[in-house]
N, C-alpha and C. Protein backbone atom coordinates (compact mmCIF):
# COMPACT_ATOMS: atom_id res chain seq x y z
N MET A 1 -9.66 20.46 -18.24
CA MET A 1 -9.50 20.22 -16.86
C MET A 1 -10.73 20.64 -16.10
N GLY A 2 -11.42 21.64 -16.55
CA GLY A 2 -12.65 22.07 -15.85
C GLY A 2 -12.56 23.56 -15.51
N ASP A 3 -13.43 23.95 -14.67
CA ASP A 3 -13.57 25.33 -14.23
C ASP A 3 -12.36 25.69 -13.36
N PRO A 4 -11.66 26.82 -13.66
CA PRO A 4 -10.50 27.24 -12.88
C PRO A 4 -10.85 27.48 -11.42
N SER A 5 -12.07 27.79 -11.11
CA SER A 5 -12.44 28.02 -9.71
C SER A 5 -12.43 26.72 -8.93
N ASP A 6 -12.42 25.55 -9.63
CA ASP A 6 -12.29 24.26 -8.94
C ASP A 6 -10.97 24.16 -8.20
N LEU A 7 -9.92 24.75 -8.78
CA LEU A 7 -8.61 24.70 -8.15
C LEU A 7 -8.66 25.39 -6.78
N CYS A 8 -9.36 26.46 -6.71
CA CYS A 8 -9.46 27.18 -5.43
C CYS A 8 -10.19 26.34 -4.39
N ASN A 9 -11.14 25.55 -4.83
CA ASN A 9 -11.92 24.71 -3.92
C ASN A 9 -11.07 23.60 -3.31
N ILE A 10 -10.05 23.18 -4.01
CA ILE A 10 -9.16 22.13 -3.51
C ILE A 10 -8.54 22.56 -2.18
N PHE A 11 -8.17 23.81 -2.08
CA PHE A 11 -7.47 24.30 -0.92
C PHE A 11 -8.40 24.96 0.10
N ASP A 12 -9.66 24.89 -0.16
CA ASP A 12 -10.65 25.44 0.79
C ASP A 12 -10.56 24.69 2.10
N GLY A 13 -10.46 25.39 3.20
CA GLY A 13 -10.29 24.78 4.51
C GLY A 13 -11.30 23.73 4.84
N GLU A 14 -12.51 23.95 4.48
CA GLU A 14 -13.61 22.99 4.80
C GLU A 14 -13.40 21.70 4.04
N LYS A 15 -13.04 21.78 2.78
CA LYS A 15 -12.84 20.59 1.96
C LYS A 15 -11.61 19.84 2.46
N MET A 16 -10.60 20.56 2.86
CA MET A 16 -9.39 19.90 3.40
C MET A 16 -9.72 19.12 4.66
N ALA A 17 -10.63 19.63 5.48
CA ALA A 17 -11.00 18.94 6.70
C ALA A 17 -11.67 17.63 6.37
N LYS A 18 -12.42 17.60 5.29
CA LYS A 18 -13.13 16.37 4.91
C LYS A 18 -12.13 15.31 4.38
N ASN A 19 -11.09 15.75 3.74
CA ASN A 19 -10.13 14.83 3.14
C ASN A 19 -9.06 14.40 4.12
N PHE A 20 -8.71 15.22 5.05
CA PHE A 20 -7.61 14.89 6.00
C PHE A 20 -7.98 15.33 7.38
N ASN A 21 -8.16 14.33 8.28
CA ASN A 21 -8.58 14.74 9.65
C ASN A 21 -7.42 14.64 10.64
N GLY A 22 -6.22 14.30 10.20
CA GLY A 22 -5.06 14.25 11.05
C GLY A 22 -4.95 12.99 11.92
N GLN A 23 -5.85 12.09 11.81
CA GLN A 23 -5.77 10.87 12.58
C GLN A 23 -5.21 9.72 11.74
N LYS A 24 -4.47 8.84 12.42
CA LYS A 24 -3.89 7.66 11.73
C LYS A 24 -5.04 6.70 11.42
N THR A 25 -4.86 5.99 10.30
CA THR A 25 -5.81 4.96 9.95
C THR A 25 -5.43 3.67 10.72
N ALA A 26 -6.41 2.87 11.02
CA ALA A 26 -6.19 1.65 11.80
C ALA A 26 -5.49 0.63 10.90
N LYS A 27 -4.68 -0.21 11.52
CA LYS A 27 -3.98 -1.26 10.85
C LYS A 27 -4.95 -2.37 10.43
N LEU A 28 -4.80 -2.90 9.25
CA LEU A 28 -5.67 -3.96 8.71
C LEU A 28 -5.48 -5.20 9.57
N GLY A 29 -6.57 -5.86 9.95
CA GLY A 29 -6.52 -7.13 10.68
C GLY A 29 -6.57 -6.91 12.19
N THR A 30 -6.97 -5.69 12.65
CA THR A 30 -7.06 -5.41 14.05
C THR A 30 -8.52 -5.21 14.43
N GLU A 31 -8.78 -4.96 15.71
CA GLU A 31 -10.15 -4.73 16.17
C GLU A 31 -10.83 -3.55 15.45
N LYS A 32 -10.04 -2.48 15.27
CA LYS A 32 -10.62 -1.27 14.65
C LYS A 32 -10.87 -1.40 13.17
N LYS A 33 -10.08 -2.26 12.47
CA LYS A 33 -10.23 -2.43 11.05
C LYS A 33 -9.98 -3.89 10.70
N SER A 34 -11.05 -4.66 10.79
CA SER A 34 -10.91 -6.12 10.50
C SER A 34 -10.87 -6.32 9.00
N ALA A 35 -10.22 -7.39 8.62
CA ALA A 35 -10.15 -7.74 7.19
C ALA A 35 -11.47 -8.26 6.74
N VAL A 36 -11.88 -7.88 5.54
CA VAL A 36 -13.20 -8.32 5.01
C VAL A 36 -12.93 -9.14 3.73
N VAL A 37 -13.41 -10.39 3.71
CA VAL A 37 -13.27 -11.22 2.52
C VAL A 37 -14.64 -11.84 2.18
N ASN A 38 -14.79 -12.22 0.94
CA ASN A 38 -16.01 -12.90 0.47
C ASN A 38 -15.60 -14.17 -0.23
N VAL A 39 -16.28 -15.28 0.09
CA VAL A 39 -16.00 -16.57 -0.54
C VAL A 39 -17.31 -17.14 -1.09
N GLN A 40 -17.14 -18.24 -1.92
CA GLN A 40 -18.34 -18.78 -2.54
C GLN A 40 -18.83 -20.08 -1.86
N THR A 41 -17.96 -20.81 -1.15
CA THR A 41 -18.38 -22.09 -0.59
C THR A 41 -18.08 -22.19 0.90
N GLU A 42 -18.77 -23.06 1.58
CA GLU A 42 -18.52 -23.32 3.00
C GLU A 42 -17.11 -23.87 3.24
N GLU A 43 -16.68 -24.74 2.33
CA GLU A 43 -15.31 -25.33 2.47
C GLU A 43 -14.26 -24.24 2.40
N ARG A 44 -14.40 -23.32 1.45
CA ARG A 44 -13.43 -22.19 1.33
C ARG A 44 -13.54 -21.28 2.52
N LEU A 45 -14.74 -21.08 3.06
CA LEU A 45 -14.91 -20.27 4.25
C LEU A 45 -14.09 -20.83 5.41
N LYS A 46 -14.15 -22.13 5.63
CA LYS A 46 -13.41 -22.76 6.72
C LYS A 46 -11.92 -22.65 6.48
N GLU A 47 -11.48 -22.80 5.25
CA GLU A 47 -10.05 -22.72 4.89
C GLU A 47 -9.50 -21.32 5.19
N VAL A 48 -10.23 -20.28 4.73
CA VAL A 48 -9.81 -18.91 4.92
C VAL A 48 -9.86 -18.54 6.40
N ALA A 49 -10.89 -18.97 7.09
CA ALA A 49 -11.03 -18.69 8.53
C ALA A 49 -9.88 -19.27 9.32
N SER A 50 -9.44 -20.45 8.93
CA SER A 50 -8.28 -21.10 9.68
C SER A 50 -7.04 -20.30 9.47
N ILE A 51 -6.84 -19.72 8.28
CA ILE A 51 -5.65 -18.87 8.05
C ILE A 51 -5.68 -17.64 8.97
N PHE A 52 -6.85 -16.98 9.04
CA PHE A 52 -6.98 -15.80 9.90
C PHE A 52 -6.76 -16.19 11.37
N GLU A 53 -7.32 -17.30 11.81
CA GLU A 53 -7.17 -17.72 13.21
C GLU A 53 -5.73 -18.01 13.55
N GLU A 54 -5.07 -18.71 12.60
CA GLU A 54 -3.65 -19.09 12.82
C GLU A 54 -2.76 -17.87 13.00
N LYS A 55 -2.99 -16.82 12.26
CA LYS A 55 -2.18 -15.60 12.32
C LYS A 55 -2.70 -14.64 13.40
N GLY A 56 -3.89 -14.83 13.91
CA GLY A 56 -4.39 -13.93 14.97
C GLY A 56 -4.99 -12.63 14.45
N TRP A 57 -5.36 -12.60 13.16
CA TRP A 57 -5.93 -11.43 12.57
C TRP A 57 -7.46 -11.39 12.80
N LYS A 58 -8.01 -10.22 12.96
CA LYS A 58 -9.45 -10.06 13.07
C LYS A 58 -10.04 -10.00 11.67
N TYR A 59 -11.19 -10.63 11.49
CA TYR A 59 -11.74 -10.75 10.12
C TYR A 59 -13.26 -10.86 10.13
N THR A 60 -13.80 -10.63 8.92
CA THR A 60 -15.22 -10.80 8.65
C THR A 60 -15.28 -11.53 7.31
N ILE A 61 -15.97 -12.66 7.28
CA ILE A 61 -16.08 -13.45 6.07
C ILE A 61 -17.53 -13.48 5.62
N GLY A 62 -17.75 -13.15 4.36
CA GLY A 62 -19.09 -13.23 3.75
C GLY A 62 -19.21 -14.44 2.87
N LEU A 63 -20.24 -15.18 2.99
CA LEU A 63 -20.50 -16.35 2.15
C LEU A 63 -21.50 -15.94 1.09
N GLU A 64 -21.01 -15.71 -0.15
CA GLU A 64 -21.87 -15.26 -1.23
C GLU A 64 -21.61 -16.11 -2.47
N PRO A 65 -22.37 -17.18 -2.64
CA PRO A 65 -22.15 -18.10 -3.78
C PRO A 65 -22.35 -17.50 -5.15
N ASP A 66 -23.12 -16.43 -5.27
CA ASP A 66 -23.41 -15.86 -6.57
C ASP A 66 -22.42 -14.74 -6.97
N LYS A 67 -21.49 -14.36 -6.06
CA LYS A 67 -20.50 -13.33 -6.41
C LYS A 67 -19.09 -13.95 -6.47
N PRO A 68 -18.17 -13.31 -7.21
CA PRO A 68 -16.81 -13.86 -7.31
C PRO A 68 -16.10 -13.70 -5.94
N GLU A 69 -15.15 -14.61 -5.71
CA GLU A 69 -14.35 -14.57 -4.45
C GLU A 69 -13.50 -13.33 -4.40
N ASP A 70 -13.46 -12.69 -3.22
CA ASP A 70 -12.65 -11.52 -3.02
C ASP A 70 -11.87 -11.71 -1.72
N ILE A 71 -10.58 -12.05 -1.82
CA ILE A 71 -9.74 -12.23 -0.65
C ILE A 71 -8.56 -11.23 -0.67
N THR A 72 -8.80 -10.07 -1.19
CA THR A 72 -7.79 -9.03 -1.32
C THR A 72 -7.15 -8.70 0.06
N ASP A 73 -7.97 -8.52 1.07
CA ASP A 73 -7.43 -8.15 2.41
C ASP A 73 -6.52 -9.26 2.97
N LEU A 74 -6.87 -10.52 2.71
CA LEU A 74 -6.01 -11.65 3.14
C LEU A 74 -4.70 -11.62 2.42
N GLU A 75 -4.70 -11.33 1.12
CA GLU A 75 -3.47 -11.24 0.37
C GLU A 75 -2.58 -10.12 0.84
N ILE A 76 -3.18 -8.97 1.18
CA ILE A 76 -2.40 -7.85 1.67
C ILE A 76 -1.77 -8.17 3.02
N LEU A 77 -2.51 -8.82 3.90
CA LEU A 77 -1.94 -9.22 5.22
C LEU A 77 -0.87 -10.29 5.04
N SER A 78 -1.03 -11.21 4.14
CA SER A 78 -0.09 -12.29 3.95
C SER A 78 1.20 -11.83 3.31
N ASN A 79 1.14 -10.80 2.46
CA ASN A 79 2.30 -10.34 1.75
C ASN A 79 2.49 -8.81 1.96
N PRO A 80 2.98 -8.42 3.16
CA PRO A 80 3.10 -7.03 3.41
C PRO A 80 4.24 -6.45 2.52
N PRO A 81 4.13 -5.13 2.16
CA PRO A 81 5.12 -4.53 1.30
C PRO A 81 6.50 -4.50 1.98
N LYS A 82 7.53 -4.78 1.20
CA LYS A 82 8.88 -4.75 1.72
C LYS A 82 9.44 -3.34 1.66
N SER A 83 10.30 -3.03 2.61
CA SER A 83 10.93 -1.73 2.64
C SER A 83 12.02 -1.71 1.56
N LYS A 84 12.13 -0.59 0.88
CA LYS A 84 13.14 -0.45 -0.15
C LYS A 84 14.33 0.32 0.41
N ILE A 85 15.51 -0.13 0.08
CA ILE A 85 16.73 0.56 0.50
C ILE A 85 17.28 1.34 -0.67
N ALA A 86 17.41 2.63 -0.49
CA ALA A 86 17.89 3.48 -1.57
C ALA A 86 19.41 3.28 -1.76
N GLU A 87 19.82 3.18 -3.03
CA GLU A 87 21.21 3.03 -3.31
C GLU A 87 21.94 4.37 -3.11
N LYS A 88 23.18 4.28 -2.79
CA LYS A 88 23.98 5.50 -2.56
C LYS A 88 24.27 6.12 -3.90
N LYS A 89 24.01 7.41 -4.07
CA LYS A 89 24.27 8.12 -5.34
C LYS A 89 25.75 8.45 -5.40
N VAL A 90 26.23 8.47 -6.62
CA VAL A 90 27.63 8.83 -6.88
C VAL A 90 27.69 10.36 -6.95
N GLY A 91 28.59 10.96 -6.20
CA GLY A 91 28.79 12.37 -6.26
C GLY A 91 29.45 12.79 -7.56
N ARG A 92 29.21 14.06 -7.98
CA ARG A 92 29.78 14.53 -9.22
C ARG A 92 31.30 14.45 -9.26
N ASN A 93 31.96 14.72 -8.12
CA ASN A 93 33.39 14.78 -8.09
C ASN A 93 34.06 13.51 -7.61
N GLU A 94 33.30 12.46 -7.41
CA GLU A 94 33.88 11.17 -6.97
C GLU A 94 34.32 10.38 -8.22
N PRO A 95 35.21 9.41 -8.01
CA PRO A 95 35.62 8.61 -9.16
C PRO A 95 34.45 7.86 -9.78
N CYS A 96 34.43 7.69 -11.05
CA CYS A 96 33.34 7.04 -11.75
C CYS A 96 33.32 5.55 -11.39
N PRO A 97 32.14 5.00 -11.12
CA PRO A 97 32.04 3.58 -10.78
C PRO A 97 32.35 2.61 -11.91
N CYS A 98 32.47 3.15 -13.14
CA CYS A 98 32.79 2.27 -14.26
C CYS A 98 34.26 1.82 -14.26
N GLY A 99 35.09 2.52 -13.44
CA GLY A 99 36.49 2.13 -13.32
C GLY A 99 37.43 2.85 -14.22
N SER A 100 36.99 3.90 -14.90
CA SER A 100 37.85 4.61 -15.85
C SER A 100 38.89 5.44 -15.18
N GLY A 101 38.68 5.80 -13.92
CA GLY A 101 39.61 6.67 -13.20
C GLY A 101 39.28 8.13 -13.29
N ASN A 102 38.34 8.46 -14.17
CA ASN A 102 37.92 9.87 -14.32
C ASN A 102 36.85 10.19 -13.25
N LYS A 103 36.63 11.52 -13.08
CA LYS A 103 35.53 11.90 -12.20
C LYS A 103 34.21 11.54 -12.88
N TYR A 104 33.23 11.28 -12.05
CA TYR A 104 31.88 10.88 -12.58
C TYR A 104 31.33 11.92 -13.52
N LYS A 105 31.52 13.21 -13.20
CA LYS A 105 30.92 14.26 -14.02
C LYS A 105 31.59 14.35 -15.40
N LYS A 106 32.82 13.84 -15.55
CA LYS A 106 33.50 13.90 -16.84
C LYS A 106 33.34 12.58 -17.62
N CYS A 107 32.80 11.57 -16.98
CA CYS A 107 32.72 10.25 -17.61
C CYS A 107 31.27 9.85 -17.89
N CYS A 108 30.65 9.13 -16.96
CA CYS A 108 29.29 8.62 -17.16
C CYS A 108 28.17 9.61 -16.69
N GLY A 109 28.55 10.64 -16.01
CA GLY A 109 27.54 11.60 -15.51
C GLY A 109 27.21 12.75 -16.39
N LYS A 110 27.50 12.61 -17.69
CA LYS A 110 27.30 13.69 -18.63
C LYS A 110 25.87 14.03 -18.72
């Protein structure tokens, strides 16, 4: 793992200030944090720009024919993460969901 004194440095106040400043990060596709994509052709540049314009997102597109296309920010904006709904847990003393009639702790909760 390394020098044990490194662990102490993790919690050093000065290092914590560098890692966490308490401010929210800007939302992708806004004035403060525009989406950045790179494409290889003029045709693709126009296609991607029309998508950004249609959605009203702020963007910067780089035309770099010698580098691979990178549209990660566009994919993130187009497919935002879905919220997950947690399933209700079965209590130890509730009837078992398998239908046996026994308490969960005596049946499937072993």
